[in-house]
């Protein structure tokens, strides 16, 4: 118990106090905050709270997960985009094969919405849910930290429109998927790339709602959705039974990558939290 309190609970509580305090003040400064303003304020609060907690609890030595240099960051972001593409397109393809959902031409991509809402929202959630507090939890107990972090990630989406029991389960599984994406390299680049492109591909490009958020404009529109159990209904693709299956496949794939890395057969050696970045291994 003492190890838990010192390793995970106290630093996580410190981060949480800083985050909530900064976030509440930031939101109060904006009379009627939009979703974009909400996530921008949250992202700023998460970054500042992380730095303060690290400075106090770890004397500035904890590595939050933004290291590795430009080469690794680019490679891991790209890997996240590729993984999100494979998973979303697989789920979407299964929906098309098993339901009446079809596409029409949408109103076009709202690039401003992507830049000021989707990208900041995904980075905000990754710094918040896979950042300092989560990293402290998994340093205490890896699978306990993944379970707790994923549960909190799912529960904090309970106010989203169109929520169902299945979509709650899918959000928990998404939390596990993103947690494992962090653990593969112990950096945030992979889950950030995965999270951003998962949302952009499913929403602004394919025309699904994104966790209950209905878009004003998208590249493709959807119509004749069919059974909500399979299409996800008003919650979007994350409410589909097919997405649950696809997330399970993604989780198994990332577990395999983790096993490969930890058995010494990966291209990148493990990075212990707070330790210097190791050099890349030769292929």
Foldseek 3Di string as FASTA:
>chain_A
DVCCCLQAVVLLVQLVVQLVVQLVVQVVVDPDDDLLSSLVSLQVSLVVSQQVSCCPSVVVLWDFFPDDDPVVLVVLLVVLLVLLVVLLVQLVVVLVVPFVKDKDFKPAFDVVCLVRHLLSNLSSCCSVLQTDNLLSVCVSPNVVSLQVSLLVQLVVLVVAPLDDPQLSVLSSLLSSLLNLSCQLAVHNSNSSSNRSNNQCCQPQEDNWAAQLHHDPIHRMHMDRSGDCQAQVPNRGSSNHPSSVVSSVVSSVVSVVSSVCQVVPNDQAHHDDTSDDGDDTDDD
